[in-house]
Amino acid sequence: MTEESKKKQHKEDKPLEKMTVKDLKEIALEIPHDHTAIAVSDMKKDELIAFIKQSRGIVDEEPVKKKKKTVKIKVLLTKPEIKAKIKKLRQEKKSAQTADEKKKTKALRHRISRLKKQSRKTA
């Protein structure tokens, strides 16, 4: 086997979703179709994958779903509420230190630090 045919064979073994757009365009150009050169150059990755699967007769069992962005809602607390929460967390941190729970101590220290920063921002 020549080196080019080995590379081509390797590209064909790779799943379509993992291929680059350049590789997908090369495969799509090999498929006989009217106005292929124009259509393939304008296609995006999702469109190229769909075109190649359709021409090969591959049916998706379930479509690939994109992850939805989660929106964090910040709870606005007043300065006295933040300070009360910090005091409570400091007590929990002390008890975690005496119990030698390093992970819990680290997490509490991080939360206290965040609350301190938040208290400086609120008026």
PDB file of N, CA and C in Angstrom:
ATOM      1  N   MET A   1       0.830  -1.191   0.000  1.00  0.00           N
ATOM      2  CA  MET A   1       0.000   0.000   0.000  1.00  0.00           C
ATOM      3  C   MET A   1       0.869   1.247   0.000  1.00  0.00           C
ATOM      4  N   THR A   2       0.433   2.216  -0.748  1.00  0.00           N
ATOM      5  CA  THR A   2       1.184   3.468  -0.755  1.00  0.00           C
ATOM      6  C   THR A   2       0.801   4.284   0.457  1.00  0.00           C
ATOM      7  N   GLU A   3       1.578   5.319   0.679  1.00  0.00           N
ATOM      8  CA  GLU A   3       1.342   6.151   1.866  1.00  0.00           C
ATOM      9  C   GLU A   3       0.019   6.910   1.771  1.00  0.00           C
ATOM     10  N   GLU A   4      -0.319   7.367   0.546  1.00  0.00           N
ATOM     11  CA  GLU A   4      -1.578   8.107   0.358  1.00  0.00           C
ATOM     12  C   GLU A   4      -2.781   7.221   0.628  1.00  0.00           C
ATOM     13  N   SER A   5      -2.744   5.999   0.166  1.00  0.00           N
ATOM     14  CA  SER A   5      -3.887   5.109   0.381  1.00  0.00           C
ATOM     15  C   SER A   5      -4.018   4.727   1.847  1.00  0.00           C
ATOM     16  N   LYS A   6      -2.882   4.650   2.566  1.00  0.00           N
ATOM     17  CA  LYS A   6      -2.942   4.384   4.008  1.00  0.00           C
ATOM     18  C   LYS A   6      -3.615   5.535   4.737  1.00  0.00           C
ATOM     19  N   LYS A   7      -3.248   6.783   4.361  1.00  0.00           N
ATOM     20  CA  LYS A   7      -3.863   7.952   4.996  1.00  0.00           C
ATOM     21  C   LYS A   7      -5.353   7.994   4.698  1.00  0.00           C
ATOM     22  N   LYS A   8      -5.711   7.687   3.450  1.00  0.00           N
ATOM     23  CA  LYS A   8      -7.113   7.702   3.057  1.00  0.00           C
ATOM     24  C   LYS A   8      -7.886   6.639   3.837  1.00  0.00           C
ATOM     25  N   GLN A   9      -7.290   5.458   3.968  1.00  0.00           N
ATOM     26  CA  GLN A   9      -7.912   4.368   4.715  1.00  0.00           C
ATOM     27  C   GLN A   9      -8.111   4.773   6.174  1.00  0.00           C
ATOM     28  N   HIS A  10      -7.102   5.427   6.756  1.00  0.00           N
ATOM     29  CA  HIS A  10      -7.172   5.865   8.149  1.00  0.00           C
ATOM     30  C   HIS A  10      -8.280   6.901   8.329  1.00  0.00           C
ATOM     31  N   LYS A  11      -8.429   7.803   7.358  1.00  0.00           N
ATOM     32  CA  LYS A  11      -9.470   8.829   7.443  1.00  0.00           C
ATOM     33  C   LYS A  11     -10.860   8.204   7.373  1.00  0.00           C
ATOM     34  N   GLU A  12     -10.995   7.172   6.551  1.00  0.00           N
ATOM     35  CA  GLU A  12     -12.291   6.529   6.397  1.00  0.00           C
ATOM     36  C   GLU A  12     -12.703   5.768   7.660  1.00  0.00           C
ATOM     37  N   ASP A  13     -11.732   5.266   8.431  1.00  0.00           N
ATOM     38  CA  ASP A  13     -12.036   4.517   9.648  1.00  0.00           C
ATOM     39  C   ASP A  13     -12.534   5.418  10.772  1.00  0.00           C
ATOM     40  N   LYS A  14     -12.144   6.658  10.728  1.00  0.00           N
ATOM     41  CA  LYS A  14     -12.507   7.625  11.763  1.00  0.00           C
ATOM     42  C   LYS A  14     -14.002   7.952  11.668  1.00  0.00           C
ATOM     43  N   PRO A  15     -14.710   8.095  12.786  1.00  0.00           N
ATOM     44  CA  PRO A  15     -16.124   8.492  12.712  1.00  0.00           C
ATOM     45  C   PRO A  15     -16.262   9.905  12.135  1.00  0.00           C
ATOM     46  N   LEU A  16     -17.342  10.128  11.419  1.00  0.00           N
ATOM     47  CA  LEU A  16     -17.538  11.407  10.733  1.00  0.00           C
ATOM     48  C   LEU A  16     -17.524  12.596  11.681  1.00  0.00           C
ATOM     49  N   GLU A  17     -18.089  12.435  12.868  1.00  0.00           N
ATOM     50  CA  GLU A  17     -18.175  13.540  13.816  1.00  0.00           C
ATOM     51  C   GLU A  17     -16.797  13.985  14.301  1.00  0.00           C
ATOM     52  N   LYS A  18     -15.822  13.085  14.270  1.00  0.00           N
ATOM     53  CA  LYS A  18     -14.485  13.401  14.767  1.00  0.00           C
ATOM     54  C   LYS A  18     -13.575  13.964  13.670  1.00  0.00           C
ATOM     55  N   MET A  19     -14.017  13.917  12.413  1.00  0.00           N
ATOM     56  CA  MET A  19     -13.201  14.400  11.301  1.00  0.00           C
ATOM     57  C   MET A  19     -13.213  15.923  11.237  1.00  0.00           C
ATOM     58  N   THR A  20     -12.185  16.464  10.604  1.00  0.00           N
ATOM     59  CA  THR A  20     -12.125  17.903  10.404  1.00  0.00           C
ATOM     60  C   THR A  20     -12.988  18.276   9.201  1.00  0.00           C
ATOM     61  N   VAL A  21     -13.298  19.556   9.083  1.00  0.00           N
ATOM     62  CA  VAL A  21     -14.119  20.042   7.975  1.00  0.00           C
ATOM     63  C   VAL A  21     -13.398  19.788   6.652  1.00  0.00           C
ATOM     64  N   LYS A  22     -12.090  19.957   6.654  1.00  0.00           N
ATOM     65  CA  LYS A  22     -11.294  19.739   5.440  1.00  0.00           C
ATOM     66  C   LYS A  22     -11.440  18.300   4.948  1.00  0.00           C
ATOM     67  N   ASP A  23     -11.329  17.335   5.865  1.00  0.00           N
ATOM     68  CA  ASP A  23     -11.474  15.927   5.507  1.00  0.00           C
ATOM     69  C   ASP A  23     -12.885  15.623   5.024  1.00  0.00           C
ATOM     70  N   LEU A  24     -13.866  16.194   5.685  1.00  0.00           N
ATOM     71  CA  LEU A  24     -15.262  15.970   5.292  1.00  0.00           C
ATOM     72  C   LEU A  24     -15.529  16.525   3.895  1.00  0.00           C
ATOM     73  N   LYS A  25     -14.946  17.677   3.594  1.00  0.00           N
ATOM     74  CA  LYS A  25     -15.127  18.271   2.257  1.00  0.00           C
ATOM     75  C   LYS A  25     -14.503  17.389   1.188  1.00  0.00           C
ATOM     76  N   GLU A  26     -13.340  16.794   1.479  1.00  0.00           N
ATOM     77  CA  GLU A  26     -12.695  15.893   0.522  1.00  0.00           C
ATOM     78  C   GLU A  26     -13.586  14.690   0.231  1.00  0.00           C
ATOM     79  N   ILE A  27     -14.177  14.129   1.279  1.00  0.00           N
ATOM     80  CA  ILE A  27     -15.055  12.970   1.112  1.00  0.00           C
ATOM     81  C   ILE A  27     -16.308  13.374   0.338  1.00  0.00           C
ATOM     82  N   ALA A  28     -16.867  14.535   0.662  1.00  0.00           N
ATOM     83  CA  ALA A  28     -18.095  14.993   0.011  1.00  0.00           C
ATOM     84  C   ALA A  28     -17.859  15.295  -1.466  1.00  0.00           C
ATOM     85  N   LEU A  29     -16.663  15.765  -1.818  1.00  0.00           N
ATOM     86  CA  LEU A  29     -16.356  16.049  -3.223  1.00  0.00           C
ATOM     87  C   LEU A  29     -16.272  14.775  -4.053  1.00  0.00           C
ATOM     88  N   GLU A  30     -15.941  13.651  -3.424  1.00  0.00           N
ATOM     89  CA  GLU A  30     -15.856  12.376  -4.133  1.00  0.00           C
ATOM     90  C   GLU A  30     -17.238  11.811  -4.454  1.00  0.00           C
ATOM     91  N   ILE A  31     -18.265  12.263  -3.763  1.00  0.00           N
ATOM     92  CA  ILE A  31     -19.625  11.768  -3.961  1.00  0.00           C
ATOM     93  C   ILE A  31     -20.202  12.425  -5.210  1.00  0.00           C
ATOM     94  N   PRO A  32     -20.689  11.633  -6.181  1.00  0.00           N
ATOM     95  CA  PRO A  32     -21.266  12.241  -7.395  1.00  0.00           C
ATOM     96  C   PRO A  32     -22.599  12.922  -7.073  1.00  0.00           C
ATOM     97  N   HIS A  33     -22.686  14.207  -7.446  1.00  0.00           N
ATOM     98  CA  HIS A  33     -23.888  14.986  -7.155  1.00  0.00           C
ATOM     99  C   HIS A  33     -23.850  16.234  -8.026  1.00  0.00           C
ATOM    100  N   ASP A  34     -25.007  16.777  -8.397  1.00  0.00           N
ATOM    101  CA  ASP A  34     -25.056  18.005  -9.198  1.00  0.00           C
ATOM    102  C   ASP A  34     -24.543  19.175  -8.385  1.00  0.00           C
ATOM    103  N   HIS A  35     -23.682  19.963  -8.963  1.00  0.00           N
ATOM    104  CA  HIS A  35     -23.123  21.173  -8.341  1.00  0.00           C
ATOM    105  C   HIS A  35     -22.443  20.869  -7.011  1.00  0.00           C
ATOM    106  N   THR A  36     -21.761  19.759  -6.935  1.00  0.00           N
ATOM    107  CA  THR A  36     -21.131  19.337  -5.683  1.00  0.00           C
ATOM    108  C   THR A  36     -20.059  20.307  -5.225  1.00  0.00           C
ATOM    109  N   ALA A  37     -19.228  20.764  -6.144  1.00  0.00           N
ATOM    110  CA  ALA A  37     -18.109  21.634  -5.765  1.00  0.00           C
ATOM    111  C   ALA A  37     -18.611  22.921  -5.117  1.00  0.00           C
ATOM    112  N   ILE A  38     -19.660  23.492  -5.643  1.00  0.00           N
ATOM    113  CA  ILE A  38     -20.195  24.742  -5.092  1.00  0.00           C
ATOM    114  C   ILE A  38     -20.878  24.475  -3.754  1.00  0.00           C
ATOM    115  N   ALA A  39     -21.695  23.446  -3.708  1.00  0.00           N
ATOM    116  CA  ALA A  39     -22.460  23.157  -2.496  1.00  0.00           C
ATOM    117  C   ALA A  39     -21.550  22.756  -1.340  1.00  0.00           C
ATOM    118  N   VAL A  40     -20.539  21.939  -1.619  1.00  0.00           N
ATOM    119  CA  VAL A  40     -19.659  21.437  -0.564  1.00  0.00           C
ATOM    120  C   VAL A  40     -18.831  22.572   0.029  1.00  0.00           C
ATOM    121  N   SER A  41     -18.388  23.485  -0.776  1.00  0.00           N
ATOM    122  CA  SER A  41     -17.552  24.573  -0.261  1.00  0.00           C
ATOM    123  C   SER A  41     -18.323  25.506   0.670  1.00  0.00           C
ATOM    124  N   ASP A  42     -19.630  25.565   0.505  1.00  0.00           N
ATOM    125  CA  ASP A  42     -20.453  26.445   1.340  1.00  0.00           C
ATOM    126  C   ASP A  42     -20.994  25.769   2.593  1.00  0.00           C
ATOM    127  N   MET A  43     -20.870  24.454   2.667  1.00  0.00           N
ATOM    128  CA  MET A  43     -21.467  23.712   3.789  1.00  0.00           C
ATOM    129  C   MET A  43     -20.653  23.846   5.071  1.00  0.00           C
ATOM    130  N   LYS A  44     -21.365  23.784   6.175  1.00  0.00           N
ATOM    131  CA  LYS A  44     -20.739  23.751   7.495  1.00  0.00           C
ATOM    132  C   LYS A  44     -20.585  22.289   7.905  1.00  0.00           C
ATOM    133  N   LYS A  45     -19.914  22.054   9.022  1.00  0.00           N
ATOM    134  CA  LYS A  45     -19.594  20.692   9.437  1.00  0.00           C
ATOM    135  C   LYS A  45     -20.841  19.826   9.603  1.00  0.00           C
ATOM    136  N   ASP A  46     -21.862  20.355  10.278  1.00  0.00           N
ATOM    137  CA  ASP A  46     -23.089  19.577  10.491  1.00  0.00           C
ATOM    138  C   ASP A  46     -23.745  19.212   9.165  1.00  0.00           C
ATOM    139  N   GLU A  47     -23.753  20.184   8.225  1.00  0.00           N
ATOM    140  CA  GLU A  47     -24.356  19.944   6.921  1.00  0.00           C
ATOM    141  C   GLU A  47     -23.557  18.906   6.133  1.00  0.00           C
ATOM    142  N   LEU A  48     -22.223  18.982   6.217  1.00  0.00           N
ATOM    143  CA  LEU A  48     -21.372  18.011   5.525  1.00  0.00           C
ATOM    144  C   LEU A  48     -21.614  16.604   6.043  1.00  0.00           C
ATOM    145  N   ILE A  49     -21.694  16.464   7.357  1.00  0.00           N
ATOM    146  CA  ILE A  49     -21.928  15.144   7.957  1.00  0.00           C
ATOM    147  C   ILE A  49     -23.280  14.592   7.503  1.00  0.00           C
ATOM    148  N   ALA A  50     -24.297  15.437   7.502  1.00  0.00           N
ATOM    149  CA  ALA A  50     -25.629  15.003   7.071  1.00  0.00           C
ATOM    150  C   ALA A  50     -25.616  14.596   5.598  1.00  0.00           C
ATOM    151  N   PHE A  51     -24.921  15.359   4.750  1.00  0.00           N
ATOM    152  CA  PHE A  51     -24.830  15.070   3.319  1.00  0.00           C
ATOM    153  C   PHE A  51     -24.141  13.731   3.074  1.00  0.00           C
ATOM    154  N   ILE A  52     -23.020  13.497   3.766  1.00  0.00           N
ATOM    155  CA  ILE A  52     -22.267  12.249   3.593  1.00  0.00           C
ATOM    156  C   ILE A  52     -23.086  11.065   4.099  1.00  0.00           C
ATOM    157  N   LYS A  53     -23.730  11.215   5.241  1.00  0.00           N
ATOM    158  CA  LYS A  53     -24.544  10.120   5.781  1.00  0.00           C
ATOM    159  C   LYS A  53     -25.709   9.794   4.854  1.00  0.00           C
ATOM    160  N   GLN A  54     -26.320  10.828   4.275  1.00  0.00           N
ATOM    161  CA  GLN A  54     -27.446  10.620   3.378  1.00  0.00           C
ATOM    162  C   GLN A  54     -26.986   9.880   2.124  1.00  0.00           C
ATOM    163  N   SER A  55     -25.823  10.263   1.591  1.00  0.00           N
ATOM    164  CA  SER A  55     -25.336   9.621   0.377  1.00  0.00           C
ATOM    165  C   SER A  55     -24.905   8.181   0.637  1.00  0.00           C
ATOM    166  N   ARG A  56     -24.422   7.891   1.820  1.00  0.00           N
ATOM    167  CA  ARG A  56     -23.996   6.528   2.173  1.00  0.00           C
ATOM    168  C   ARG A  56     -25.151   5.687   2.709  1.00  0.00           C
ATOM    169  N   GLY A  57     -26.276   6.311   2.976  1.00  0.00           N
ATOM    170  CA  GLY A  57     -27.432   5.582   3.485  1.00  0.00           C
ATOM    171  C   GLY A  57     -27.352   5.290   4.968  1.00  0.00           C
ATOM    172  N   ILE A  58     -26.587   6.092   5.704  1.00  0.00           N
ATOM    173  CA  ILE A  58     -26.455   5.914   7.146  1.00  0.00           C
ATOM    174  C   ILE A  58     -27.598   6.660   7.833  1.00  0.00           C
ATOM    175  N   VAL A  59     -28.283   5.957   8.739  1.00  0.00           N
ATOM    176  CA  VAL A  59     -29.391   6.572   9.459  1.00  0.00           C
ATOM    177  C   VAL A  59     -28.975   6.761  10.916  1.00  0.00           C
ATOM    178  N   ASP A  60     -29.121   7.979  11.423  1.00  0.00           N
ATOM    179  CA  ASP A  60     -28.820   8.244  12.828  1.00  0.00           C
ATOM    180  C   ASP A  60     -29.918   7.670  13.694  1.00  0.00           C
ATOM    181  N   GLU A  61     -29.496   6.989  14.759  1.00  0.00           N
ATOM    182  CA  GLU A  61     -30.480   6.453  15.693  1.00  0.00           C
ATOM    183  C   GLU A  61     -31.120   7.570  16.495  1.00  0.00           C
ATOM    184  N   GLU A  62     -30.303   8.489  16.957  1.00  0.00           N
ATOM    185  CA  GLU A  62     -30.816   9.664  17.642  1.00  0.00           C
ATOM    186  C   GLU A  62     -29.911  10.844  17.277  1.00  0.00           C
ATOM    187  N   PRO A  63     -30.485  11.981  16.979  1.00  0.00           N
ATOM    188  CA  PRO A  63     -29.663  13.116  16.571  1.00  0.00           C
ATOM    189  C   PRO A  63     -28.774  13.607  17.704  1.00  0.00           C
ATOM    190  N   VAL A  64     -27.644  14.151  17.336  1.00  0.00           N
ATOM    191  CA  VAL A  64     -26.705  14.674  18.316  1.00  0.00           C
ATOM    192  C   VAL A  64     -27.297  15.950  18.900  1.00  0.00           C
ATOM    193  N   LYS A  65     -27.403  15.985  20.211  1.00  0.00           N
ATOM    194  CA  LYS A  65     -27.981  17.148  20.881  1.00  0.00           C
ATOM    195  C   LYS A  65     -26.869  18.041  21.389  1.00  0.00           C
ATOM    196  N   LYS A  66     -27.041  19.319  21.180  1.00  0.00           N
ATOM    197  CA  LYS A  66     -26.066  20.271  21.696  1.00  0.00           C
ATOM    198  C   LYS A  66     -26.400  20.562  23.155  1.00  0.00           C
ATOM    199  N   LYS A  67     -25.362  20.807  23.922  1.00  0.00           N
ATOM    200  CA  LYS A  67     -25.569  21.103  25.329  1.00  0.00           C
ATOM    201  C   LYS A  67     -26.212  22.473  25.481  1.00  0.00           C
ATOM    202  N   LYS A  68     -27.177  22.523  26.356  1.00  0.00           N
ATOM    203  CA  LYS A  68     -27.812  23.798  26.638  1.00  0.00           C
ATOM    204  C   LYS A  68     -27.013  24.527  27.700  1.00  0.00           C
ATOM    205  N   LYS A  69     -26.914  25.799  27.528  1.00  0.00           N
ATOM    206  CA  LYS A  69     -26.191  26.598  28.509  1.00  0.00           C
ATOM    207  C   LYS A  69     -27.062  26.798  29.734  1.00  0.00           C
ATOM    208  N   THR A  70     -26.469  26.584  30.879  1.00  0.00           N
ATOM    209  CA  THR A  70     -27.198  26.816  32.114  1.00  0.00           C
ATOM    210  C   THR A  70     -26.901  28.224  32.590  1.00  0.00           C
ATOM    211  N   VAL A  71     -27.911  28.875  33.048  1.00  0.00           N
ATOM    212  CA  VAL A  71     -27.769  30.244  33.517  1.00  0.00           C
ATOM    213  C   VAL A  71     -27.792  30.231  35.035  1.00  0.00           C
ATOM    214  N   LYS A  72     -26.746  30.793  35.622  1.00  0.00           N
ATOM    215  CA  LYS A  72     -26.690  30.878  37.072  1.00  0.00           C
ATOM    216  C   LYS A  72     -27.415  32.133  37.525  1.00  0.00           C
ATOM    217  N   ILE A  73     -28.231  31.970  38.502  1.00  0.00           N
ATOM    218  CA  ILE A  73     -28.955  33.106  39.065  1.00  0.00           C
ATOM    219  C   ILE A  73     -28.264  33.478  40.368  1.00  0.00           C
ATOM    220  N   LYS A  74     -27.797  34.699  40.413  1.00  0.00           N
ATOM    221  CA  LYS A  74     -27.122  35.151  41.622  1.00  0.00           C
ATOM    222  C   LYS A  74     -28.158  35.604  42.635  1.00  0.00           C
ATOM    223  N   VAL A  75     -27.988  35.141  43.845  1.00  0.00           N
ATOM    224  CA  VAL A  75     -28.865  35.550  44.924  1.00  0.00           C
ATOM    225  C   VAL A  75     -28.222  36.755  45.591  1.00  0.00           C
ATOM    226  N   LEU A  76     -28.903  37.860  45.522  1.00  0.00           N
ATOM    227  CA  LEU A  76     -28.364  39.071  46.111  1.00  0.00           C
ATOM    228  C   LEU A  76     -28.743  39.127  47.585  1.00  0.00           C
ATOM    229  N   LEU A  77     -27.730  39.150  48.397  1.00  0.00           N
ATOM    230  CA  LEU A  77     -27.939  39.229  49.832  1.00  0.00           C
ATOM    231  C   LEU A  77     -27.483  40.601  50.317  1.00  0.00           C
ATOM    232  N   THR A  78     -28.050  41.007  51.426  1.00  0.00           N
ATOM    233  CA  THR A  78     -27.603  42.268  52.015  1.00  0.00           C
ATOM    234  C   THR A  78     -26.306  42.013  52.774  1.00  0.00           C
ATOM    235  N   LYS A  79     -25.605  43.075  53.085  1.00  0.00           N
ATOM    236  CA  LYS A  79     -24.322  42.947  53.764  1.00  0.00           C
ATOM    237  C   LYS A  79     -24.438  42.227  55.119  1.00  0.00           C
ATOM    238  N   PRO A  80     -25.437  42.564  55.944  1.00  0.00           N
ATOM    239  CA  PRO A  80     -25.568  41.845  57.223  1.00  0.00           C
ATOM    240  C   PRO A  80     -25.852  40.341  57.036  1.00  0.00           C
ATOM    241  N   GLU A  81     -26.626  40.000  56.022  1.00  0.00           N
ATOM    242  CA  GLU A  81     -26.915  38.590  55.753  1.00  0.00           C
ATOM    243  C   GLU A  81     -25.644  37.848  55.347  1.00  0.00           C
ATOM    244  N   ILE A  82     -24.819  38.508  54.532  1.00  0.00           N
ATOM    245  CA  ILE A  82     -23.556  37.906  54.093  1.00  0.00           C
ATOM    246  C   ILE A  82     -22.638  37.682  55.287  1.00  0.00           C
ATOM    247  N   LYS A  83     -22.536  38.695  56.148  1.00  0.00           N
ATOM    248  CA  LYS A  83     -21.657  38.590  57.319  1.00  0.00           C
ATOM    249  C   LYS A  83     -22.123  37.484  58.264  1.00  0.00           C
ATOM    250  N   ALA A  84     -23.440  37.334  58.427  1.00  0.00           N
ATOM    251  CA  ALA A  84     -23.976  36.271  59.278  1.00  0.00           C
ATOM    252  C   ALA A  84     -23.638  34.900  58.690  1.00  0.00           C
ATOM    253  N   LYS A  85     -23.718  34.807  57.378  1.00  0.00           N
ATOM    254  CA  LYS A  85     -23.406  33.551  56.707  1.00  0.00           C
ATOM    255  C   LYS A  85     -21.919  33.214  56.854  1.00  0.00           C
ATOM    256  N   ILE A  86     -21.072  34.238  56.777  1.00  0.00           N
ATOM    257  CA  ILE A  86     -19.620  34.039  56.939  1.00  0.00           C
ATOM    258  C   ILE A  86     -19.320  33.509  58.338  1.00  0.00           C
ATOM    259  N   LYS A  87     -19.965  34.096  59.360  1.00  0.00           N
ATOM    260  CA  LYS A  87     -19.746  33.643  60.739  1.00  0.00           C
ATOM    261  C   LYS A  87     -20.133  32.181  60.905  1.00  0.00           C
ATOM    262  N   LYS A  88     -21.277  31.815  60.315  1.00  0.00           N
ATOM    263  CA  LYS A  88     -21.752  30.431  60.402  1.00  0.00           C
ATOM    264  C   LYS A  88     -20.762  29.490  59.714  1.00  0.00           C
ATOM    265  N   LEU A  89     -20.265  29.898  58.543  1.00  0.00           N
ATOM    266  CA  LEU A  89     -19.320  29.059  57.806  1.00  0.00           C
ATOM    267  C   LEU A  89     -17.984  28.941  58.539  1.00  0.00           C
ATOM    268  N   ARG A  90     -17.562  30.001  59.232  1.00  0.00           N
ATOM    269  CA  ARG A  90     -16.316  29.951  60.004  1.00  0.00           C
ATOM    270  C   ARG A  90     -16.414  28.919  61.129  1.00  0.00           C
ATOM    271  N   GLN A  91     -17.603  28.859  61.767  1.00  0.00           N
ATOM    272  CA  GLN A  91     -17.805  27.871  62.823  1.00  0.00           C
ATOM    273  C   GLN A  91     -17.739  26.452  62.240  1.00  0.00           C
ATOM    274  N   GLU A  92     -18.375  26.256  61.074  1.00  0.00           N
ATOM    275  CA  GLU A  92     -18.328  24.945  60.411  1.00  0.00           C
ATOM    276  C   GLU A  92     -16.886  24.592  60.030  1.00  0.00           C
ATOM    277  N   LYS A  93     -16.137  25.601  59.593  1.00  0.00           N
ATOM    278  CA  LYS A  93     -14.743  25.384  59.194  1.00  0.00           C
ATOM    279  C   LYS A  93     -13.902  24.943  60.390  1.00  0.00           C
ATOM    280  N   LYS A  94     -14.136  25.594  61.564  1.00  0.00           N
ATOM    281  CA  LYS A  94     -13.394  25.217  62.769  1.00  0.00           C
ATOM    282  C   LYS A  94     -13.680  23.770  63.157  1.00  0.00           C
ATOM    283  N   SER A  95     -14.955  23.391  63.102  1.00  0.00           N
ATOM    284  CA  SER A  95     -15.310  22.011  63.464  1.00  0.00           C
ATOM    285  C   SER A  95     -14.730  21.016  62.456  1.00  0.00           C
ATOM    286  N   ALA A  96     -14.653  21.402  61.185  1.00  0.00           N
ATOM    287  CA  ALA A  96     -14.060  20.531  60.170  1.00  0.00           C
ATOM    288  C   ALA A  96     -12.556  20.400  60.378  1.00  0.00           C
ATOM    289  N   GLN A  97     -11.924  21.483  60.830  1.00  0.00           N
ATOM    290  CA  GLN A  97     -10.483  21.437  61.097  1.00  0.00           C
ATOM    291  C   GLN A  97     -10.175  20.518  62.272  1.00  0.00           C
ATOM    292  N   THR A  98     -10.992  20.588  63.320  1.00  0.00           N
ATOM    293  CA  THR A  98     -10.761  19.721  64.480  1.00  0.00           C
ATOM    294  C   THR A  98     -11.012  18.255  64.133  1.00  0.00           C
ATOM    295  N   ALA A  99     -11.936  18.018  63.216  1.00  0.00           N
ATOM    296  CA  ALA A  99     -12.226  16.650  62.787  1.00  0.00           C
ATOM    297  C   ALA A  99     -11.246  16.186  61.705  1.00  0.00           C
ATOM    298  N   ASP A 100     -10.331  17.064  61.301  1.00  0.00           N
ATOM    299  CA  ASP A 100      -9.301  16.766  60.301  1.00  0.00           C
ATOM    300  C   ASP A 100      -9.908  16.400  58.943  1.00  0.00           C
ATOM    301  N   GLU A 101     -10.923  17.156  58.531  1.00  0.00           N
ATOM    302  CA  GLU A 101     -11.554  16.975  57.214  1.00  0.00           C
ATOM    303  C   GLU A 101     -11.013  18.057  56.284  1.00  0.00           C
ATOM    304  N   LYS A 102      -9.952  17.735  55.573  1.00  0.00           N
ATOM    305  CA  LYS A 102      -9.242  18.721  54.765  1.00  0.00           C
ATOM    306  C   LYS A 102     -10.063  19.205  53.572  1.00  0.00           C
ATOM    307  N   LYS A 103     -10.778  18.298  52.921  1.00  0.00           N
ATOM    308  CA  LYS A 103     -11.569  18.686  51.756  1.00  0.00           C
ATOM    309  C   LYS A 103     -12.683  19.653  52.145  1.00  0.00           C
ATOM    310  N   LYS A 104     -13.361  19.344  53.228  1.00  0.00           N
ATOM    311  CA  LYS A 104     -14.456  20.194  53.685  1.00  0.00           C
ATOM    312  C   LYS A 104     -13.920  21.552  54.126  1.00  0.00           C
ATOM    313  N   THR A 105     -12.768  21.550  54.787  1.00  0.00           N
ATOM    314  CA  THR A 105     -12.144  22.796  55.234  1.00  0.00           C
ATOM    315  C   THR A 105     -11.799  23.670  54.042  1.00  0.00           C
ATOM    316  N   LYS A 106     -11.240  23.058  53.023  1.00  0.00           N
ATOM    317  CA  LYS A 106     -10.854  23.804  51.816  1.00  0.00           C
ATOM    318  C   LYS A 106     -12.082  24.397  51.124  1.00  0.00           C
ATOM    319  N   ALA A 107     -13.155  23.605  51.025  1.00  0.00           N
ATOM    320  CA  ALA A 107     -14.381  24.078  50.383  1.00  0.00           C
ATOM    321  C   ALA A 107     -14.994  25.235  51.170  1.00  0.00           C
ATOM    322  N   LEU A 108     -14.996  25.116  52.484  1.00  0.00           N
ATOM    323  CA  LEU A 108     -15.560  26.178  53.321  1.00  0.00           C
ATOM    324  C   LEU A 108     -14.720  27.456  53.216  1.00  0.00           C
ATOM    325  N   ARG A 109     -13.395  27.289  53.189  1.00  0.00           N
ATOM    326  CA  ARG A 109     -12.514  28.448  53.055  1.00  0.00           C
ATOM    327  C   ARG A 109     -12.793  29.174  51.731  1.00  0.00           C
ATOM    328  N   HIS A 110     -13.013  28.415  50.684  1.00  0.00           N
ATOM    329  CA  HIS A 110     -13.324  28.997  49.377  1.00  0.00           C
ATOM    330  C   HIS A 110     -14.654  29.756  49.407  1.00  0.00           C
ATOM    331  N   ARG A 111     -15.667  29.153  50.039  1.00  0.00           N
ATOM    332  CA  ARG A 111     -16.977  29.809  50.124  1.00  0.00           C
ATOM    333  C   ARG A 111     -16.904  31.088  50.951  1.00  0.00           C
ATOM    334  N   ILE A 112     -16.139  31.050  52.044  1.00  0.00           N
ATOM    335  CA  ILE A 112     -15.977  32.244  52.883  1.00  0.00           C
ATOM    336  C   ILE A 112     -15.306  33.346  52.084  1.00  0.00           C
ATOM    337  N   SER A 113     -14.283  32.986  51.336  1.00  0.00           N
ATOM    338  CA  SER A 113     -13.565  33.968  50.511  1.00  0.00           C
ATOM    339  C   SER A 113     -14.497  34.612  49.491  1.00  0.00           C
ATOM    340  N   ARG A 114     -15.329  33.798  48.849  1.00  0.00           N
ATOM    341  CA  ARG A 114     -16.289  34.316  47.876  1.00  0.00           C
ATOM    342  C   ARG A 114     -17.271  35.288  48.526  1.00  0.00           C
ATOM    343  N   LEU A 115     -17.761  34.919  49.693  1.00  0.00           N
ATOM    344  CA  LEU A 115     -18.718  35.775  50.382  1.00  0.00           C
ATOM    345  C   LEU A 115     -18.075  37.092  50.810  1.00  0.00           C
ATOM    346  N   LYS A 116     -16.806  37.042  51.217  1.00  0.00           N
ATOM    347  CA  LYS A 116     -16.104  38.266  51.592  1.00  0.00           C
ATOM    348  C   LYS A 116     -15.992  39.213  50.403  1.00  0.00           C
ATOM    349  N   LYS A 117     -15.671  38.645  49.253  1.00  0.00           N
ATOM    350  CA  LYS A 117     -15.591  39.457  48.028  1.00  0.00           C
ATOM    351  C   LYS A 117     -16.940  40.060  47.680  1.00  0.00           C
ATOM    352  N   GLN A 118     -17.992  39.241  47.859  1.00  0.00           N
ATOM    353  CA  GLN A 118     -19.337  39.714  47.574  1.00  0.00           C
ATOM    354  C   GLN A 118     -19.745  40.830  48.536  1.00  0.00           C
ATOM    355  N   SER A 119     -19.328  40.724  49.805  1.00  0.00           N
ATOM    356  CA  SER A 119     -19.694  41.749  50.791  1.00  0.00           C
ATOM    357  C   SER A 119     -18.992  43.078  50.477  1.00  0.00           C
ATOM    358  N   ARG A 120     -17.799  43.016  49.908  1.00  0.00           N
ATOM    359  CA  ARG A 120     -17.100  44.239  49.535  1.00  0.00           C
ATOM    360  C   ARG A 120     -17.778  44.946  48.370  1.00  0.00           C
ATOM    361  N   LYS A 121     -18.423  44.172  47.504  1.00  0.00           N
ATOM    362  CA  LYS A 121     -19.092  44.751  46.345  1.00  0.00           C
ATOM    363  C   LYS A 121     -20.426  45.407  46.709  1.00  0.00           C
ATOM    364  N   THR A 122     -21.120  44.831  47.695  1.00  0.00           N
ATOM    365  CA  THR A 122     -22.409  45.404  48.092  1.00  0.00           C
ATOM    366  C   THR A 122     -22.198  46.617  48.984  1.00  0.00           C
ATOM    367  N   ALA A 123     -23.082  47.528  48.863  1.00  0.00           N
ATOM    368  CA  ALA A 123     -22.935  48.768  49.637  1.00  0.00           C
ATOM    369  C   ALA A 123     -23.632  48.713  50.955  1.00  0.00           C
TER     370      ALA A 123
END
